[in-house]
Amino acid sequence: MYFQTTPAELNRILTQREYSKKIISKQSAIEVKNIKYSGEIPKWWTPSLLGDSCVVYENFDDNIKRAELIYCSFDSTVVYYIDNRW
C-alpha cells in the first residue's frame, strides 16, 4: 500500500505495535523491492523515490506468521507499507 500522511498519524500507526527502526540507502530500497516481491513488482512500489535514504520500520510476529514493513520519507509524509503473511 502507498499513502501520504502526517507525522502525527504515522506516529499513531507506529504506536500500535513494536517496530524496529533503521535507515536504508536508496540502493538498498531498490534491492529490497526486488527481493520482497516474487513475480511481478507492482508499478506503484517505488520506495527508492523517497530520496537518497529512507526510514524503515519492521515488525515480525512468528506467532501469527506476519511481517509488517513501513518505508517512509524522513519527513514522515510518504509511506509504503507491506503486510506479509506466510
N, C-alpha and C. Protein backbone atom coordinates (compact mmCIF):
# COMPACT_ATOMS: atom_id res chain seq x y z
N MET A 1 0.85 -1.16 0.00
CA MET A 1 0.00 0.00 0.00
C MET A 1 0.91 1.23 0.00
N TYR A 2 0.48 2.25 -0.71
CA TYR A 2 1.15 3.54 -0.74
C TYR A 2 0.18 4.58 -0.20
N PHE A 3 0.65 5.47 0.67
CA PHE A 3 -0.23 6.55 1.12
C PHE A 3 0.59 7.75 1.60
N GLN A 4 -0.07 8.88 1.62
CA GLN A 4 0.52 10.10 2.18
C GLN A 4 -0.17 10.37 3.51
N THR A 5 0.58 10.91 4.44
CA THR A 5 0.05 11.08 5.79
C THR A 5 0.73 12.27 6.47
N THR A 6 0.47 12.42 7.75
CA THR A 6 1.13 13.44 8.55
C THR A 6 2.07 12.74 9.53
N PRO A 7 3.07 13.44 10.04
CA PRO A 7 3.93 12.82 11.06
C PRO A 7 3.15 12.33 12.27
N ALA A 8 2.14 13.07 12.69
CA ALA A 8 1.33 12.65 13.85
C ALA A 8 0.59 11.35 13.56
N GLU A 9 0.03 11.21 12.38
CA GLU A 9 -0.70 9.99 12.04
C GLU A 9 0.25 8.80 11.90
N LEU A 10 1.41 9.01 11.30
CA LEU A 10 2.38 7.91 11.22
C LEU A 10 2.80 7.49 12.62
N ASN A 11 3.02 8.42 13.49
CA ASN A 11 3.38 8.10 14.87
C ASN A 11 2.27 7.28 15.54
N ARG A 12 1.02 7.65 15.30
CA ARG A 12 -0.10 6.89 15.86
C ARG A 12 -0.07 5.45 15.36
N ILE A 13 0.19 5.26 14.07
CA ILE A 13 0.28 3.92 13.49
C ILE A 13 1.41 3.13 14.15
N LEU A 14 2.55 3.77 14.33
CA LEU A 14 3.72 3.09 14.88
C LEU A 14 3.56 2.71 16.35
N THR A 15 2.64 3.36 17.06
CA THR A 15 2.43 3.01 18.46
C THR A 15 1.54 1.78 18.62
N GLN A 16 0.97 1.28 17.54
CA GLN A 16 0.07 0.12 17.60
C GLN A 16 0.82 -1.20 17.83
N ARG A 17 2.10 -1.25 17.42
CA ARG A 17 2.93 -2.44 17.56
C ARG A 17 4.35 -2.01 17.89
N GLU A 18 5.18 -2.98 18.21
CA GLU A 18 6.59 -2.68 18.48
C GLU A 18 7.37 -2.86 17.18
N TYR A 19 7.92 -1.78 16.68
CA TYR A 19 8.68 -1.80 15.43
C TYR A 19 10.15 -1.51 15.70
N SER A 20 11.00 -2.21 14.95
CA SER A 20 12.41 -1.82 14.94
C SER A 20 12.54 -0.73 13.87
N LYS A 21 13.60 0.06 13.97
CA LYS A 21 13.78 1.18 13.05
C LYS A 21 15.19 1.15 12.49
N LYS A 22 15.29 1.37 11.18
CA LYS A 22 16.60 1.50 10.57
C LYS A 22 16.51 2.46 9.38
N ILE A 23 17.64 2.96 8.99
CA ILE A 23 17.73 3.85 7.84
C ILE A 23 18.45 3.09 6.74
N ILE A 24 17.86 3.11 5.55
CA ILE A 24 18.49 2.42 4.42
C ILE A 24 18.73 3.40 3.28
N SER A 25 19.68 3.06 2.44
CA SER A 25 20.01 3.90 1.30
C SER A 25 19.02 3.67 0.16
N LYS A 26 19.05 4.55 -0.80
CA LYS A 26 18.22 4.41 -2.00
C LYS A 26 18.52 3.08 -2.69
N GLN A 27 19.80 2.71 -2.78
CA GLN A 27 20.18 1.45 -3.41
C GLN A 27 19.60 0.26 -2.66
N SER A 28 19.62 0.31 -1.34
CA SER A 28 19.03 -0.78 -0.55
C SER A 28 17.53 -0.88 -0.78
N ALA A 29 16.86 0.26 -0.93
CA ALA A 29 15.42 0.25 -1.21
C ALA A 29 15.15 -0.42 -2.55
N ILE A 30 15.99 -0.20 -3.53
CA ILE A 30 15.84 -0.84 -4.84
C ILE A 30 16.04 -2.35 -4.70
N GLU A 31 17.07 -2.75 -3.96
CA GLU A 31 17.34 -4.18 -3.77
C GLU A 31 16.22 -4.87 -3.01
N VAL A 32 15.67 -4.23 -1.99
CA VAL A 32 14.56 -4.80 -1.22
C VAL A 32 13.35 -4.99 -2.11
N LYS A 33 13.11 -4.03 -2.98
CA LYS A 33 11.99 -4.12 -3.91
C LYS A 33 12.08 -5.41 -4.72
N ASN A 34 13.25 -5.76 -5.16
CA ASN A 34 13.43 -6.95 -5.98
C ASN A 34 13.35 -8.24 -5.18
N ILE A 35 13.64 -8.18 -3.88
CA ILE A 35 13.62 -9.37 -3.04
C ILE A 35 12.23 -9.65 -2.48
N LYS A 36 11.53 -8.64 -2.01
CA LYS A 36 10.28 -8.82 -1.27
C LYS A 36 9.13 -9.35 -2.12
N TYR A 37 9.13 -9.02 -3.40
CA TYR A 37 8.04 -9.46 -4.25
C TYR A 37 8.52 -10.59 -5.14
N SER A 38 7.84 -11.72 -5.07
CA SER A 38 8.13 -12.79 -6.01
C SER A 38 7.19 -12.58 -7.19
N GLY A 39 7.71 -12.67 -8.36
CA GLY A 39 6.88 -12.41 -9.52
C GLY A 39 6.92 -10.95 -9.88
N GLU A 40 5.80 -10.43 -10.36
CA GLU A 40 5.74 -9.05 -10.84
C GLU A 40 5.67 -8.05 -9.69
N ILE A 41 6.53 -7.04 -9.76
CA ILE A 41 6.55 -5.98 -8.76
C ILE A 41 5.51 -4.94 -9.15
N PRO A 42 4.63 -4.55 -8.24
CA PRO A 42 3.63 -3.53 -8.57
C PRO A 42 4.29 -2.22 -9.03
N LYS A 43 3.71 -1.58 -10.02
CA LYS A 43 4.27 -0.34 -10.55
C LYS A 43 4.33 0.78 -9.51
N TRP A 44 3.41 0.77 -8.55
CA TRP A 44 3.37 1.81 -7.53
C TRP A 44 4.44 1.62 -6.47
N TRP A 45 5.08 0.44 -6.41
CA TRP A 45 6.06 0.17 -5.35
C TRP A 45 7.40 0.81 -5.71
N THR A 46 7.61 2.04 -5.23
CA THR A 46 8.81 2.81 -5.57
C THR A 46 9.42 3.50 -4.34
N PRO A 47 9.73 2.77 -3.27
CA PRO A 47 10.32 3.43 -2.11
C PRO A 47 11.68 4.06 -2.42
N SER A 48 12.30 3.66 -3.51
CA SER A 48 13.58 4.28 -3.89
C SER A 48 13.40 5.75 -4.27
N LEU A 49 12.16 6.18 -4.49
CA LEU A 49 11.90 7.57 -4.82
C LEU A 49 11.78 8.45 -3.58
N LEU A 50 11.92 7.87 -2.40
CA LEU A 50 11.79 8.64 -1.16
C LEU A 50 13.00 9.54 -0.91
N GLY A 51 14.03 9.39 -1.67
CA GLY A 51 15.23 10.22 -1.51
C GLY A 51 16.48 9.38 -1.49
N ASP A 52 17.60 9.98 -1.09
CA ASP A 52 18.87 9.25 -1.03
C ASP A 52 18.83 8.13 0.01
N SER A 53 17.96 8.27 1.00
CA SER A 53 17.76 7.24 2.01
C SER A 53 16.35 7.39 2.57
N CYS A 54 15.91 6.39 3.32
CA CYS A 54 14.58 6.43 3.92
C CYS A 54 14.61 5.67 5.24
N VAL A 55 13.54 5.78 5.98
CA VAL A 55 13.39 5.10 7.26
C VAL A 55 12.53 3.86 7.05
N VAL A 56 12.96 2.74 7.64
CA VAL A 56 12.19 1.50 7.56
C VAL A 56 11.85 1.04 8.97
N TYR A 57 10.57 0.79 9.20
CA TYR A 57 10.11 0.23 10.46
C TYR A 57 9.66 -1.20 10.17
N GLU A 58 10.08 -2.14 11.03
CA GLU A 58 9.75 -3.55 10.81
C GLU A 58 9.16 -4.16 12.07
N ASN A 59 8.14 -4.99 11.86
CA ASN A 59 7.55 -5.76 12.95
C ASN A 59 7.35 -7.18 12.44
N PHE A 60 7.94 -8.15 13.13
CA PHE A 60 7.79 -9.56 12.77
C PHE A 60 7.12 -10.28 13.92
N ASP A 61 6.07 -11.03 13.61
CA ASP A 61 5.35 -11.79 14.64
C ASP A 61 5.24 -13.23 14.16
N ASP A 62 6.12 -14.10 14.69
CA ASP A 62 6.12 -15.50 14.29
C ASP A 62 4.87 -16.24 14.75
N ASN A 63 4.25 -15.77 15.85
CA ASN A 63 3.05 -16.45 16.36
C ASN A 63 1.90 -16.41 15.37
N ILE A 64 1.75 -15.31 14.67
CA ILE A 64 0.67 -15.22 13.68
C ILE A 64 1.21 -15.18 12.25
N LYS A 65 2.51 -15.45 12.12
CA LYS A 65 3.17 -15.52 10.82
C LYS A 65 2.92 -14.27 9.98
N ARG A 66 3.37 -13.14 10.55
CA ARG A 66 3.11 -11.86 9.91
C ARG A 66 4.36 -10.98 9.98
N ALA A 67 4.64 -10.30 8.86
CA ALA A 67 5.72 -9.33 8.81
C ALA A 67 5.14 -8.03 8.27
N GLU A 68 5.35 -6.94 9.01
CA GLU A 68 4.92 -5.62 8.55
C GLU A 68 6.16 -4.77 8.33
N LEU A 69 6.23 -4.13 7.18
CA LEU A 69 7.34 -3.24 6.86
C LEU A 69 6.77 -1.91 6.41
N ILE A 70 7.28 -0.85 7.01
CA ILE A 70 6.84 0.51 6.69
C ILE A 70 8.06 1.30 6.24
N TYR A 71 8.05 1.70 4.98
CA TYR A 71 9.11 2.53 4.42
C TYR A 71 8.56 3.94 4.36
N CYS A 72 9.28 4.91 4.95
CA CYS A 72 8.75 6.27 4.92
C CYS A 72 9.85 7.29 4.67
N SER A 73 9.42 8.42 4.19
CA SER A 73 10.32 9.55 3.96
C SER A 73 10.75 10.11 5.31
N PHE A 74 11.86 10.85 5.32
CA PHE A 74 12.35 11.41 6.58
C PHE A 74 11.37 12.40 7.21
N ASP A 75 10.53 13.04 6.41
CA ASP A 75 9.56 13.96 6.99
C ASP A 75 8.26 13.25 7.40
N SER A 76 8.21 11.92 7.25
CA SER A 76 7.08 11.08 7.68
C SER A 76 5.77 11.41 6.97
N THR A 77 5.84 11.82 5.72
CA THR A 77 4.61 12.17 5.00
C THR A 77 4.31 11.22 3.83
N VAL A 78 5.28 10.44 3.41
CA VAL A 78 5.08 9.50 2.30
C VAL A 78 5.44 8.11 2.82
N VAL A 79 4.53 7.14 2.63
CA VAL A 79 4.69 5.82 3.22
C VAL A 79 4.39 4.72 2.20
N TYR A 80 5.23 3.69 2.24
CA TYR A 80 4.98 2.43 1.52
C TYR A 80 4.87 1.36 2.59
N TYR A 81 3.81 0.55 2.52
CA TYR A 81 3.52 -0.41 3.58
C TYR A 81 3.36 -1.80 2.99
N ILE A 82 4.02 -2.79 3.62
CA ILE A 82 3.87 -4.19 3.24
C ILE A 82 3.36 -4.95 4.45
N ASP A 83 2.36 -5.78 4.26
CA ASP A 83 1.86 -6.69 5.28
C ASP A 83 1.94 -8.08 4.68
N ASN A 84 2.99 -8.83 5.03
CA ASN A 84 3.19 -10.18 4.50
C ASN A 84 2.77 -11.22 5.52
N ARG A 85 2.11 -12.22 5.04
CA ARG A 85 1.77 -13.37 5.90
C ARG A 85 2.30 -14.62 5.22
N TRP A 86 2.78 -15.54 6.05
CA TRP A 86 3.33 -16.76 5.48
C TRP A 86 2.73 -17.97 6.15
